[in-house]
Amino acid sequence: MVDLSAPSCAFVTSILADGLHGRYELAAGGEARLRSELTFEEEGRFRTQGTISFGPGHEVRFRTLGDPQLAQSPDPHLKQASVIGEVLGGEGQFEGAYGDIVSHIFVSDSGEITDNHLGVIFVEEQP
């Protein structure tokens, strides 16, 4: 079982004379919590399915698509993977949700996980 959390934040991108710059800025609000079952297979391949909660009662369900694989990164202490997750619905604000979540994961040799998500989620209008 994987249980990760992240504070409310914004990713700010600036294109300046000296090039591209990016940073996270904390924002007012609570935190998101990802809970998932992670199954490792041969050769570093894995599958996951779970939920991402955005406060009480607002949750997205997802599962991995394709055949993601942890691979070595340029940093010898990190493995990395890019993953596409399929949105399977949700609760609260995300009832009737569908779409995709793209994720880039880093796993350190000490077991620390960093998982950055970008999603496009559509929600059916509720009567």
N, C-alpha and C. Protein backbone atom coordinates (compact mmCIF):
# COMPACT_ATOMS: atom_id res chain seq x y z
N MET A 1 0.85 -1.18 0.00
CA MET A 1 0.00 0.00 0.00
C MET A 1 0.89 1.24 0.00
N VAL A 2 0.57 2.18 -0.85
CA VAL A 2 1.28 3.46 -0.91
C VAL A 2 0.33 4.53 -0.39
N ASP A 3 0.84 5.40 0.47
CA ASP A 3 0.06 6.49 1.04
C ASP A 3 0.92 7.75 0.98
N LEU A 4 0.60 8.66 0.05
CA LEU A 4 1.38 9.89 -0.17
C LEU A 4 0.48 11.10 0.05
N SER A 5 1.08 12.24 0.40
CA SER A 5 0.30 13.47 0.55
C SER A 5 1.05 14.64 -0.06
N ALA A 6 0.29 15.68 -0.39
CA ALA A 6 0.88 16.89 -0.96
C ALA A 6 0.07 18.10 -0.52
N PRO A 7 0.75 19.20 -0.18
CA PRO A 7 0.03 20.41 0.23
C PRO A 7 -0.56 21.12 -0.99
N SER A 8 -1.52 22.01 -0.74
CA SER A 8 -2.02 22.87 -1.81
C SER A 8 -0.86 23.71 -2.33
N CYS A 9 -0.70 23.75 -3.63
CA CYS A 9 0.39 24.53 -4.20
C CYS A 9 0.10 24.86 -5.66
N ALA A 10 0.92 25.72 -6.21
CA ALA A 10 0.85 26.08 -7.63
C ALA A 10 2.23 25.91 -8.23
N PHE A 11 2.27 25.44 -9.46
CA PHE A 11 3.54 25.36 -10.17
C PHE A 11 3.62 26.59 -11.06
N VAL A 12 4.66 27.38 -10.87
CA VAL A 12 4.83 28.63 -11.60
C VAL A 12 5.96 28.45 -12.61
N THR A 13 5.67 28.73 -13.87
CA THR A 13 6.66 28.64 -14.93
C THR A 13 6.95 30.04 -15.45
N SER A 14 8.23 30.38 -15.55
CA SER A 14 8.63 31.69 -16.08
C SER A 14 9.62 31.48 -17.22
N ILE A 15 9.40 32.19 -18.31
CA ILE A 15 10.33 32.17 -19.44
C ILE A 15 11.00 33.53 -19.47
N LEU A 16 12.28 33.54 -19.11
CA LEU A 16 13.03 34.78 -18.97
C LEU A 16 14.19 34.81 -19.95
N ALA A 17 14.92 35.91 -19.98
CA ALA A 17 16.04 36.05 -20.90
C ALA A 17 17.09 34.96 -20.69
N ASP A 18 17.25 34.49 -19.45
CA ASP A 18 18.25 33.45 -19.19
C ASP A 18 17.68 32.04 -19.28
N GLY A 19 16.43 31.89 -19.74
CA GLY A 19 15.87 30.56 -19.97
C GLY A 19 14.61 30.29 -19.17
N LEU A 20 14.28 29.03 -19.09
CA LEU A 20 13.07 28.55 -18.45
C LEU A 20 13.32 28.30 -16.96
N HIS A 21 12.37 28.72 -16.12
CA HIS A 21 12.46 28.52 -14.67
C HIS A 21 11.12 28.00 -14.17
N GLY A 22 11.16 27.12 -13.19
CA GLY A 22 9.92 26.60 -12.59
C GLY A 22 10.09 26.45 -11.10
N ARG A 23 8.98 26.64 -10.39
CA ARG A 23 9.01 26.48 -8.94
C ARG A 23 7.60 26.19 -8.44
N TYR A 24 7.54 25.52 -7.30
CA TYR A 24 6.28 25.31 -6.60
C TYR A 24 6.12 26.40 -5.56
N GLU A 25 4.91 26.91 -5.44
CA GLU A 25 4.58 27.88 -4.40
C GLU A 25 3.44 27.33 -3.58
N LEU A 26 3.60 27.32 -2.25
CA LEU A 26 2.51 26.89 -1.38
C LEU A 26 1.31 27.81 -1.56
N ALA A 27 0.12 27.24 -1.47
CA ALA A 27 -1.12 28.00 -1.62
C ALA A 27 -2.04 27.68 -0.44
N ALA A 28 -2.99 28.56 -0.20
CA ALA A 28 -3.95 28.33 0.88
C ALA A 28 -4.75 27.07 0.59
N GLY A 29 -5.08 26.33 1.63
CA GLY A 29 -5.91 25.14 1.46
C GLY A 29 -5.33 23.95 2.18
N GLY A 30 -5.94 22.83 1.97
CA GLY A 30 -5.55 21.58 2.62
C GLY A 30 -4.53 20.81 1.82
N GLU A 31 -4.64 19.48 1.90
CA GLU A 31 -3.70 18.64 1.17
C GLU A 31 -4.45 17.56 0.40
N ALA A 32 -3.80 17.08 -0.64
CA ALA A 32 -4.30 15.93 -1.40
C ALA A 32 -3.63 14.69 -0.84
N ARG A 33 -4.34 13.56 -0.89
CA ARG A 33 -3.79 12.30 -0.39
C ARG A 33 -4.01 11.22 -1.44
N LEU A 34 -2.93 10.58 -1.84
CA LEU A 34 -2.97 9.47 -2.78
C LEU A 34 -2.81 8.17 -1.98
N ARG A 35 -3.73 7.25 -2.20
CA ARG A 35 -3.65 5.91 -1.59
C ARG A 35 -3.81 4.91 -2.72
N SER A 36 -2.86 3.99 -2.83
CA SER A 36 -2.97 3.03 -3.92
C SER A 36 -2.32 1.70 -3.56
N GLU A 37 -2.80 0.67 -4.22
CA GLU A 37 -2.19 -0.65 -4.17
C GLU A 37 -1.14 -0.67 -5.28
N LEU A 38 0.07 -1.04 -4.94
CA LEU A 38 1.17 -1.07 -5.89
C LEU A 38 1.64 -2.50 -6.01
N THR A 39 1.62 -3.03 -7.25
CA THR A 39 2.03 -4.40 -7.50
C THR A 39 3.23 -4.40 -8.42
N PHE A 40 4.37 -4.92 -7.93
CA PHE A 40 5.56 -5.02 -8.76
C PHE A 40 5.58 -6.35 -9.49
N GLU A 41 6.01 -6.30 -10.75
CA GLU A 41 6.12 -7.49 -11.58
C GLU A 41 7.58 -7.64 -11.98
N GLU A 42 7.87 -8.49 -12.96
CA GLU A 42 9.25 -8.72 -13.39
C GLU A 42 9.85 -7.47 -14.04
N GLU A 43 11.17 -7.38 -13.97
CA GLU A 43 11.97 -6.34 -14.63
C GLU A 43 11.56 -4.92 -14.25
N GLY A 44 11.13 -4.70 -13.02
CA GLY A 44 10.79 -3.36 -12.56
C GLY A 44 9.44 -2.84 -13.02
N ARG A 45 8.68 -3.66 -13.71
CA ARG A 45 7.34 -3.24 -14.16
C ARG A 45 6.40 -3.24 -12.96
N PHE A 46 5.38 -2.39 -13.03
CA PHE A 46 4.44 -2.31 -11.92
C PHE A 46 3.06 -1.88 -12.40
N ARG A 47 2.11 -2.09 -11.54
CA ARG A 47 0.73 -1.65 -11.75
C ARG A 47 0.25 -1.02 -10.45
N THR A 48 -0.65 -0.07 -10.58
CA THR A 48 -1.21 0.55 -9.39
C THR A 48 -2.66 0.95 -9.66
N GLN A 49 -3.44 0.93 -8.61
CA GLN A 49 -4.81 1.45 -8.66
C GLN A 49 -5.14 1.99 -7.29
N GLY A 50 -5.93 3.06 -7.28
CA GLY A 50 -6.23 3.65 -5.99
C GLY A 50 -7.08 4.89 -6.11
N THR A 51 -6.90 5.78 -5.14
CA THR A 51 -7.68 7.01 -5.07
C THR A 51 -6.79 8.20 -4.76
N ILE A 52 -7.25 9.36 -5.19
CA ILE A 52 -6.65 10.63 -4.77
C ILE A 52 -7.78 11.44 -4.16
N SER A 53 -7.61 11.81 -2.88
CA SER A 53 -8.62 12.59 -2.17
C SER A 53 -8.20 14.05 -2.12
N PHE A 54 -9.18 14.92 -2.38
CA PHE A 54 -8.95 16.37 -2.34
C PHE A 54 -9.88 16.95 -1.28
N GLY A 55 -9.63 16.64 -0.04
CA GLY A 55 -10.49 17.07 1.04
C GLY A 55 -11.60 16.06 1.26
N PRO A 56 -12.31 16.19 2.39
CA PRO A 56 -13.36 15.22 2.74
C PRO A 56 -14.44 15.12 1.67
N GLY A 57 -14.69 13.90 1.19
CA GLY A 57 -15.79 13.65 0.26
C GLY A 57 -15.50 13.90 -1.20
N HIS A 58 -14.29 14.34 -1.57
CA HIS A 58 -13.96 14.63 -2.97
C HIS A 58 -12.78 13.74 -3.37
N GLU A 59 -13.07 12.74 -4.21
CA GLU A 59 -12.09 11.70 -4.47
C GLU A 59 -12.16 11.24 -5.93
N VAL A 60 -10.98 10.96 -6.51
CA VAL A 60 -10.86 10.42 -7.86
C VAL A 60 -10.32 9.00 -7.75
N ARG A 61 -10.91 8.06 -8.49
CA ARG A 61 -10.40 6.69 -8.58
C ARG A 61 -9.61 6.55 -9.88
N PHE A 62 -8.50 5.80 -9.83
CA PHE A 62 -7.66 5.65 -11.02
C PHE A 62 -6.99 4.28 -11.05
N ARG A 63 -6.45 3.93 -12.21
CA ARG A 63 -5.60 2.76 -12.38
C ARG A 63 -4.60 3.05 -13.49
N THR A 64 -3.46 2.36 -13.46
CA THR A 64 -2.45 2.59 -14.49
C THR A 64 -2.91 1.98 -15.82
N LEU A 65 -2.45 2.61 -16.89
CA LEU A 65 -2.62 2.09 -18.24
C LEU A 65 -1.24 1.67 -18.76
N GLY A 66 -1.23 0.78 -19.70
CA GLY A 66 0.05 0.39 -20.31
C GLY A 66 0.88 -0.47 -19.39
N ASP A 67 2.19 -0.37 -19.58
CA ASP A 67 3.14 -1.25 -18.91
C ASP A 67 4.29 -0.44 -18.33
N PRO A 68 4.04 0.43 -17.30
CA PRO A 68 5.11 1.27 -16.79
C PRO A 68 6.23 0.45 -16.16
N GLN A 69 7.44 1.03 -16.19
CA GLN A 69 8.61 0.33 -15.67
C GLN A 69 9.54 1.32 -14.98
N LEU A 70 9.98 0.96 -13.77
CA LEU A 70 10.99 1.76 -13.08
C LEU A 70 12.33 1.56 -13.79
N ALA A 71 13.00 2.65 -14.10
CA ALA A 71 14.29 2.59 -14.79
C ALA A 71 15.28 3.51 -14.07
N GLN A 72 16.54 3.30 -14.31
CA GLN A 72 17.58 4.14 -13.71
C GLN A 72 17.45 5.57 -14.24
N SER A 73 17.74 6.55 -13.41
CA SER A 73 17.74 7.95 -13.83
C SER A 73 19.20 8.42 -13.89
N PRO A 74 19.44 9.65 -14.35
CA PRO A 74 20.82 10.16 -14.34
C PRO A 74 21.42 10.23 -12.94
N ASP A 75 20.57 10.34 -11.92
CA ASP A 75 21.04 10.32 -10.53
C ASP A 75 21.14 8.85 -10.09
N PRO A 76 22.31 8.37 -9.71
CA PRO A 76 22.47 6.96 -9.37
C PRO A 76 21.65 6.52 -8.14
N HIS A 77 21.11 7.47 -7.38
CA HIS A 77 20.32 7.14 -6.20
C HIS A 77 18.82 7.14 -6.47
N LEU A 78 18.42 7.38 -7.72
CA LEU A 78 17.00 7.45 -8.07
C LEU A 78 16.64 6.54 -9.22
N LYS A 79 15.47 5.93 -9.12
CA LYS A 79 14.85 5.26 -10.26
C LYS A 79 13.66 6.12 -10.64
N GLN A 80 13.22 6.01 -11.89
CA GLN A 80 12.13 6.86 -12.36
C GLN A 80 11.20 6.09 -13.28
N ALA A 81 9.98 6.61 -13.41
CA ALA A 81 9.01 6.05 -14.34
C ALA A 81 8.01 7.14 -14.72
N SER A 82 7.52 7.05 -15.94
CA SER A 82 6.42 7.89 -16.39
C SER A 82 5.20 6.97 -16.54
N VAL A 83 4.06 7.44 -16.04
CA VAL A 83 2.88 6.60 -15.95
C VAL A 83 1.67 7.37 -16.43
N ILE A 84 0.79 6.70 -17.15
CA ILE A 84 -0.52 7.26 -17.49
C ILE A 84 -1.55 6.52 -16.66
N GLY A 85 -2.37 7.28 -15.96
CA GLY A 85 -3.45 6.70 -15.16
C GLY A 85 -4.79 7.04 -15.78
N GLU A 86 -5.67 6.07 -15.80
CA GLU A 86 -7.03 6.25 -16.30
C GLU A 86 -7.94 6.59 -15.12
N VAL A 87 -8.71 7.66 -15.24
CA VAL A 87 -9.68 8.04 -14.21
C VAL A 87 -10.90 7.14 -14.36
N LEU A 88 -11.30 6.51 -13.25
CA LEU A 88 -12.40 5.54 -13.27
C LEU A 88 -13.66 6.06 -12.59
N GLY A 89 -13.72 7.35 -12.32
CA GLY A 89 -14.87 7.92 -11.63
C GLY A 89 -14.44 8.56 -10.33
N GLY A 90 -15.41 8.89 -9.50
CA GLY A 90 -15.06 9.52 -8.25
C GLY A 90 -16.27 9.82 -7.41
N GLU A 91 -16.04 10.61 -6.38
CA GLU A 91 -17.09 11.01 -5.44
C GLU A 91 -17.05 12.52 -5.24
N GLY A 92 -18.15 13.06 -4.74
CA GLY A 92 -18.21 14.50 -4.48
C GLY A 92 -18.07 15.28 -5.78
N GLN A 93 -17.16 16.23 -5.79
CA GLN A 93 -16.90 17.06 -6.96
C GLN A 93 -16.54 16.22 -8.19
N PHE A 94 -16.04 15.01 -7.96
CA PHE A 94 -15.55 14.16 -9.05
C PHE A 94 -16.51 13.02 -9.41
N GLU A 95 -17.76 13.10 -8.97
CA GLU A 95 -18.74 12.08 -9.36
C GLU A 95 -18.90 12.13 -10.87
N GLY A 96 -18.82 10.99 -11.52
CA GLY A 96 -18.93 10.91 -12.97
C GLY A 96 -17.65 11.32 -13.70
N ALA A 97 -16.54 11.44 -13.00
CA ALA A 97 -15.29 11.90 -13.60
C ALA A 97 -14.69 10.85 -14.53
N TYR A 98 -14.02 11.34 -15.58
CA TYR A 98 -13.25 10.49 -16.48
C TYR A 98 -12.14 11.33 -17.07
N GLY A 99 -11.11 10.69 -17.59
CA GLY A 99 -9.97 11.39 -18.17
C GLY A 99 -8.68 10.65 -17.86
N ASP A 100 -7.58 11.37 -17.90
CA ASP A 100 -6.26 10.79 -17.69
C ASP A 100 -5.44 11.62 -16.72
N ILE A 101 -4.56 10.94 -16.02
CA ILE A 101 -3.58 11.59 -15.15
C ILE A 101 -2.20 11.11 -15.59
N VAL A 102 -1.33 12.04 -15.91
CA VAL A 102 0.04 11.71 -16.27
C VAL A 102 0.90 11.92 -15.03
N SER A 103 1.76 10.97 -14.74
CA SER A 103 2.54 11.01 -13.52
C SER A 103 4.00 10.70 -13.82
N HIS A 104 4.91 11.44 -13.17
CA HIS A 104 6.33 11.10 -13.23
C HIS A 104 6.77 10.79 -11.81
N ILE A 105 7.29 9.59 -11.63
CA ILE A 105 7.62 9.07 -10.30
C ILE A 105 9.13 8.92 -10.16
N PHE A 106 9.63 9.33 -9.01
CA PHE A 106 11.02 9.05 -8.62
C PHE A 106 10.99 8.22 -7.35
N VAL A 107 11.81 7.18 -7.27
CA VAL A 107 11.95 6.37 -6.07
C VAL A 107 13.43 6.37 -5.69
N SER A 108 13.74 6.85 -4.47
CA SER A 108 15.13 6.92 -4.04
C SER A 108 15.59 5.55 -3.55
N ASP A 109 16.90 5.38 -3.44
CA ASP A 109 17.43 4.11 -2.95
C ASP A 109 17.09 3.89 -1.47
N SER A 110 16.59 4.93 -0.78
CA SER A 110 16.14 4.77 0.61
C SER A 110 14.63 4.52 0.68
N GLY A 111 13.95 4.47 -0.49
CA GLY A 111 12.52 4.18 -0.53
C GLY A 111 11.60 5.39 -0.56
N GLU A 112 12.17 6.60 -0.53
CA GLU A 112 11.34 7.81 -0.60
C GLU A 112 10.75 7.94 -2.00
N ILE A 113 9.46 8.31 -2.08
CA ILE A 113 8.76 8.43 -3.36
C ILE A 113 8.37 9.88 -3.60
N THR A 114 8.67 10.38 -4.80
CA THR A 114 8.19 11.68 -5.26
C THR A 114 7.36 11.40 -6.51
N ASP A 115 6.11 11.88 -6.52
CA ASP A 115 5.18 11.57 -7.60
C ASP A 115 4.50 12.87 -8.01
N ASN A 116 4.81 13.36 -9.21
CA ASN A 116 4.22 14.60 -9.73
C ASN A 116 3.14 14.24 -10.74
N HIS A 117 1.93 14.81 -10.55
CA HIS A 117 0.79 14.52 -11.41
C HIS A 117 0.37 15.74 -12.20
N LEU A 118 -0.13 15.49 -13.40
CA LEU A 118 -0.82 16.49 -14.20
C LEU A 118 -2.02 15.77 -14.79
N GLY A 119 -3.21 16.26 -14.52
CA GLY A 119 -4.40 15.57 -14.99
C GLY A 119 -5.33 16.46 -15.76
N VAL A 120 -6.04 15.85 -16.70
CA VAL A 120 -7.16 16.50 -17.37
C VAL A 120 -8.36 15.62 -17.05
N ILE A 121 -9.23 16.14 -16.19
CA ILE A 121 -10.35 15.36 -15.70
C ILE A 121 -11.64 16.04 -16.13
N PHE A 122 -12.49 15.27 -16.78
CA PHE A 122 -13.80 15.75 -17.19
C PHE A 122 -14.83 15.23 -16.20
N VAL A 123 -15.84 16.04 -15.93
CA VAL A 123 -16.89 15.65 -14.99
C VAL A 123 -18.23 15.84 -15.67
N GLU A 124 -19.04 14.79 -15.67
CA GLU A 124 -20.38 14.88 -16.25
C GLU A 124 -21.24 15.83 -15.43
N GLU A 125 -22.08 16.58 -16.10
CA GLU A 125 -22.98 17.48 -15.37
C GLU A 125 -23.95 16.67 -14.55
N GLN A 126 -24.18 17.08 -13.32
CA GLN A 126 -25.13 16.40 -12.43
C GLN A 126 -26.49 17.06 -12.56
N PRO A 127 -27.54 16.25 -12.56
CA PRO A 127 -28.90 16.82 -12.68
C PRO A 127 -29.28 17.69 -11.52
